[in-house]
Amino acid sequence: RFQEPERSAVVGTLMQISDYRRLTDGRLVLLTQVLERFVVQTVVQEFPYSVAHVQILPDTEEVPTSDENFCKIARAAAICN
């Protein structure tokens, strides 16, 4: 949440949930893929959840997004830990 309204720039990350596991105690383990970074321009709403107008930040490097081996390793680690 935006706790400091005088703050001029808040950077965030837009992510997509690729997979999830619900643990026996109710917690969730999420496997996510980063889509884009953004900076908050103006806050529209703070409660019950934060809503803002944002500006997408350009990528500075290309990272492969469809590495199946990485996904398998990440899923295995999430299940085992």
N, C-alpha and C. Protein backbone atom coordinates (compact mmCIF):
# COMPACT_ATOMS: atom_id res chain seq x y z
N ARG A 1 0.83 -1.18 0.00
CA ARG A 1 0.00 0.00 0.00
C ARG A 1 0.87 1.24 0.00
N PHE A 2 0.31 2.33 -0.40
CA PHE A 2 1.03 3.59 -0.47
C PHE A 2 0.96 4.27 0.90
N GLN A 3 1.97 4.06 1.72
CA GLN A 3 1.99 4.62 3.06
C GLN A 3 2.52 6.05 3.09
N GLU A 4 3.28 6.45 2.07
CA GLU A 4 3.90 7.76 2.06
C GLU A 4 3.39 8.58 0.87
N PRO A 5 2.30 9.34 1.02
CA PRO A 5 1.72 10.07 -0.10
C PRO A 5 2.67 11.13 -0.69
N GLU A 6 3.63 11.65 0.11
CA GLU A 6 4.55 12.65 -0.41
C GLU A 6 5.63 12.05 -1.31
N ARG A 7 5.73 10.76 -1.34
CA ARG A 7 6.73 10.09 -2.15
C ARG A 7 6.40 10.28 -3.63
N SER A 8 7.37 10.69 -4.44
CA SER A 8 7.08 11.04 -5.83
C SER A 8 7.16 9.87 -6.80
N ALA A 9 7.94 8.83 -6.51
CA ALA A 9 8.08 7.73 -7.45
C ALA A 9 8.07 6.40 -6.71
N VAL A 10 7.16 5.52 -7.10
CA VAL A 10 7.11 4.17 -6.56
C VAL A 10 7.18 3.23 -7.76
N VAL A 11 8.18 2.37 -7.77
CA VAL A 11 8.37 1.43 -8.87
C VAL A 11 7.78 0.09 -8.46
N GLY A 12 7.07 -0.55 -9.40
CA GLY A 12 6.47 -1.84 -9.15
C GLY A 12 6.70 -2.78 -10.31
N THR A 13 6.22 -4.00 -10.14
CA THR A 13 6.39 -5.04 -11.15
C THR A 13 5.04 -5.68 -11.43
N LEU A 14 4.67 -5.74 -12.70
CA LEU A 14 3.47 -6.44 -13.14
C LEU A 14 3.86 -7.90 -13.37
N MET A 15 3.17 -8.81 -12.68
CA MET A 15 3.50 -10.23 -12.79
C MET A 15 2.27 -11.05 -13.14
N GLN A 16 2.52 -12.20 -13.75
CA GLN A 16 1.47 -13.15 -14.07
C GLN A 16 1.72 -14.42 -13.27
N ILE A 17 0.70 -14.93 -12.61
CA ILE A 17 0.84 -16.17 -11.85
C ILE A 17 0.77 -17.33 -12.83
N SER A 18 1.85 -18.10 -12.91
CA SER A 18 1.93 -19.25 -13.82
C SER A 18 1.41 -20.52 -13.17
N ASP A 19 1.65 -20.66 -11.88
CA ASP A 19 1.24 -21.87 -11.16
C ASP A 19 1.19 -21.52 -9.67
N TYR A 20 0.49 -22.34 -8.91
CA TYR A 20 0.46 -22.11 -7.47
C TYR A 20 0.23 -23.43 -6.74
N ARG A 21 0.62 -23.45 -5.49
CA ARG A 21 0.37 -24.59 -4.61
C ARG A 21 -0.16 -24.02 -3.30
N ARG A 22 -1.25 -24.62 -2.79
CA ARG A 22 -1.77 -24.23 -1.48
C ARG A 22 -1.19 -25.21 -0.47
N LEU A 23 -0.50 -24.69 0.55
CA LEU A 23 0.09 -25.52 1.59
C LEU A 23 -0.97 -25.90 2.61
N THR A 24 -0.68 -26.92 3.40
CA THR A 24 -1.67 -27.41 4.36
C THR A 24 -2.05 -26.37 5.40
N ASP A 25 -1.15 -25.41 5.66
CA ASP A 25 -1.47 -24.37 6.64
C ASP A 25 -2.20 -23.17 6.02
N GLY A 26 -2.55 -23.27 4.72
CA GLY A 26 -3.33 -22.23 4.07
C GLY A 26 -2.51 -21.23 3.27
N ARG A 27 -1.18 -21.23 3.45
CA ARG A 27 -0.35 -20.31 2.67
C ARG A 27 -0.29 -20.76 1.22
N LEU A 28 0.06 -19.83 0.33
CA LEU A 28 0.21 -20.12 -1.10
C LEU A 28 1.67 -19.96 -1.50
N VAL A 29 2.12 -20.86 -2.36
CA VAL A 29 3.42 -20.72 -3.01
C VAL A 29 3.11 -20.40 -4.47
N LEU A 30 3.58 -19.26 -4.95
CA LEU A 30 3.26 -18.80 -6.30
C LEU A 30 4.48 -18.89 -7.19
N LEU A 31 4.28 -19.35 -8.43
CA LEU A 31 5.29 -19.28 -9.47
C LEU A 31 4.82 -18.18 -10.40
N THR A 32 5.63 -17.13 -10.51
CA THR A 32 5.22 -15.97 -11.29
C THR A 32 6.19 -15.69 -12.42
N GLN A 33 5.71 -14.99 -13.40
CA GLN A 33 6.53 -14.52 -14.52
C GLN A 33 6.40 -13.00 -14.55
N VAL A 34 7.54 -12.34 -14.54
CA VAL A 34 7.54 -10.88 -14.60
C VAL A 34 7.19 -10.44 -16.02
N LEU A 35 6.23 -9.54 -16.14
CA LEU A 35 5.82 -9.04 -17.45
C LEU A 35 6.44 -7.68 -17.75
N GLU A 36 6.29 -6.74 -16.80
CA GLU A 36 6.80 -5.39 -17.02
C GLU A 36 7.03 -4.69 -15.69
N ARG A 37 7.92 -3.69 -15.72
CA ARG A 37 8.10 -2.81 -14.57
C ARG A 37 7.34 -1.52 -14.84
N PHE A 38 6.93 -0.87 -13.75
CA PHE A 38 6.20 0.39 -13.92
C PHE A 38 6.55 1.35 -12.80
N VAL A 39 6.25 2.61 -13.03
CA VAL A 39 6.37 3.64 -12.00
C VAL A 39 4.99 4.26 -11.80
N VAL A 40 4.62 4.46 -10.56
CA VAL A 40 3.32 5.04 -10.23
C VAL A 40 3.33 6.52 -10.57
N GLN A 41 2.34 6.94 -11.35
CA GLN A 41 2.19 8.36 -11.70
C GLN A 41 1.27 9.06 -10.71
N THR A 42 0.08 8.52 -10.51
CA THR A 42 -0.86 9.09 -9.56
C THR A 42 -1.63 7.97 -8.87
N VAL A 43 -1.88 8.15 -7.60
CA VAL A 43 -2.67 7.19 -6.83
C VAL A 43 -4.14 7.57 -7.00
N VAL A 44 -4.95 6.59 -7.40
CA VAL A 44 -6.38 6.82 -7.62
C VAL A 44 -7.18 6.40 -6.39
N GLN A 45 -6.76 5.32 -5.75
CA GLN A 45 -7.50 4.77 -4.61
C GLN A 45 -6.49 4.08 -3.70
N GLU A 46 -6.71 4.17 -2.38
CA GLU A 46 -5.82 3.51 -1.43
C GLU A 46 -6.49 2.35 -0.72
N PHE A 47 -7.81 2.47 -0.43
CA PHE A 47 -8.49 1.42 0.31
C PHE A 47 -9.76 1.01 -0.41
N PRO A 48 -10.18 -0.22 -0.41
CA PRO A 48 -9.61 -1.35 0.33
C PRO A 48 -8.34 -1.93 -0.30
N TYR A 49 -8.01 -1.51 -1.49
CA TYR A 49 -6.76 -1.92 -2.14
C TYR A 49 -6.25 -0.76 -2.98
N SER A 50 -4.97 -0.79 -3.27
CA SER A 50 -4.35 0.32 -3.99
C SER A 50 -4.63 0.25 -5.49
N VAL A 51 -4.98 1.39 -6.07
CA VAL A 51 -5.17 1.53 -7.51
C VAL A 51 -4.42 2.79 -7.93
N ALA A 52 -3.72 2.71 -9.06
CA ALA A 52 -2.94 3.88 -9.50
C ALA A 52 -2.84 3.91 -11.02
N HIS A 53 -2.59 5.10 -11.54
CA HIS A 53 -2.22 5.26 -12.94
C HIS A 53 -0.71 5.08 -12.98
N VAL A 54 -0.23 4.26 -13.92
CA VAL A 54 1.19 3.94 -13.96
C VAL A 54 1.76 4.18 -15.35
N GLN A 55 3.08 4.29 -15.41
CA GLN A 55 3.79 4.38 -16.69
C GLN A 55 4.70 3.17 -16.77
N ILE A 56 4.58 2.41 -17.87
CA ILE A 56 5.42 1.23 -18.08
C ILE A 56 6.85 1.67 -18.35
N LEU A 57 7.80 1.00 -17.70
CA LEU A 57 9.21 1.30 -17.91
C LEU A 57 9.78 0.38 -18.98
N PRO A 58 10.60 0.87 -19.89
CA PRO A 58 11.17 0.02 -20.94
C PRO A 58 12.16 -0.98 -20.37
N ASP A 59 12.23 -2.15 -21.01
CA ASP A 59 13.22 -3.16 -20.63
C ASP A 59 14.61 -2.69 -21.02
N THR A 60 15.58 -3.06 -20.20
CA THR A 60 16.96 -2.72 -20.52
C THR A 60 17.73 -3.91 -21.06
N GLU A 61 17.16 -5.12 -20.91
CA GLU A 61 17.79 -6.32 -21.47
C GLU A 61 16.71 -7.35 -21.78
N GLU A 62 17.01 -8.23 -22.70
CA GLU A 62 16.08 -9.28 -23.07
C GLU A 62 16.39 -10.54 -22.26
N VAL A 63 15.35 -11.15 -21.70
CA VAL A 63 15.50 -12.37 -20.92
C VAL A 63 14.55 -13.40 -21.51
N PRO A 64 15.03 -14.62 -21.82
CA PRO A 64 14.12 -15.63 -22.37
C PRO A 64 13.00 -15.94 -21.38
N THR A 65 11.76 -16.03 -21.89
CA THR A 65 10.61 -16.24 -21.01
C THR A 65 10.04 -17.65 -21.06
N SER A 66 10.47 -18.48 -21.97
CA SER A 66 9.84 -19.80 -22.10
C SER A 66 10.85 -20.92 -21.90
N ASP A 67 11.63 -20.85 -20.84
CA ASP A 67 12.60 -21.89 -20.53
C ASP A 67 11.92 -22.96 -19.70
N GLU A 68 11.49 -24.04 -20.33
CA GLU A 68 10.73 -25.10 -19.66
C GLU A 68 11.52 -25.74 -18.53
N ASN A 69 12.84 -25.91 -18.70
CA ASN A 69 13.65 -26.50 -17.63
C ASN A 69 13.62 -25.63 -16.38
N PHE A 70 13.72 -24.32 -16.57
CA PHE A 70 13.66 -23.41 -15.42
C PHE A 70 12.33 -23.56 -14.70
N CYS A 71 11.25 -23.64 -15.46
CA CYS A 71 9.92 -23.78 -14.85
C CYS A 71 9.81 -25.07 -14.06
N LYS A 72 10.34 -26.16 -14.60
CA LYS A 72 10.30 -27.45 -13.89
C LYS A 72 11.10 -27.37 -12.60
N ILE A 73 12.28 -26.76 -12.64
CA ILE A 73 13.12 -26.64 -11.44
C ILE A 73 12.43 -25.76 -10.41
N ALA A 74 11.84 -24.65 -10.84
CA ALA A 74 11.18 -23.74 -9.94
C ALA A 74 9.97 -24.41 -9.28
N ARG A 75 9.21 -25.16 -10.05
CA ARG A 75 8.05 -25.87 -9.48
C ARG A 75 8.50 -26.92 -8.48
N ALA A 76 9.56 -27.66 -8.81
CA ALA A 76 10.08 -28.69 -7.90
C ALA A 76 10.56 -28.06 -6.60
N ALA A 77 11.25 -26.94 -6.70
CA ALA A 77 11.75 -26.26 -5.50
C ALA A 77 10.60 -25.76 -4.63
N ALA A 78 9.54 -25.27 -5.27
CA ALA A 78 8.41 -24.75 -4.52
C ALA A 78 7.68 -25.87 -3.79
N ILE A 79 7.62 -27.04 -4.39
CA ILE A 79 6.93 -28.17 -3.78
C ILE A 79 7.76 -28.76 -2.65
N CYS A 80 9.07 -28.83 -2.85
CA CYS A 80 9.95 -29.47 -1.88
C CYS A 80 10.24 -28.61 -0.67
N ASN A 81 10.18 -27.30 -0.82
CA ASN A 81 10.57 -26.43 0.31
C ASN A 81 9.42 -26.00 1.13
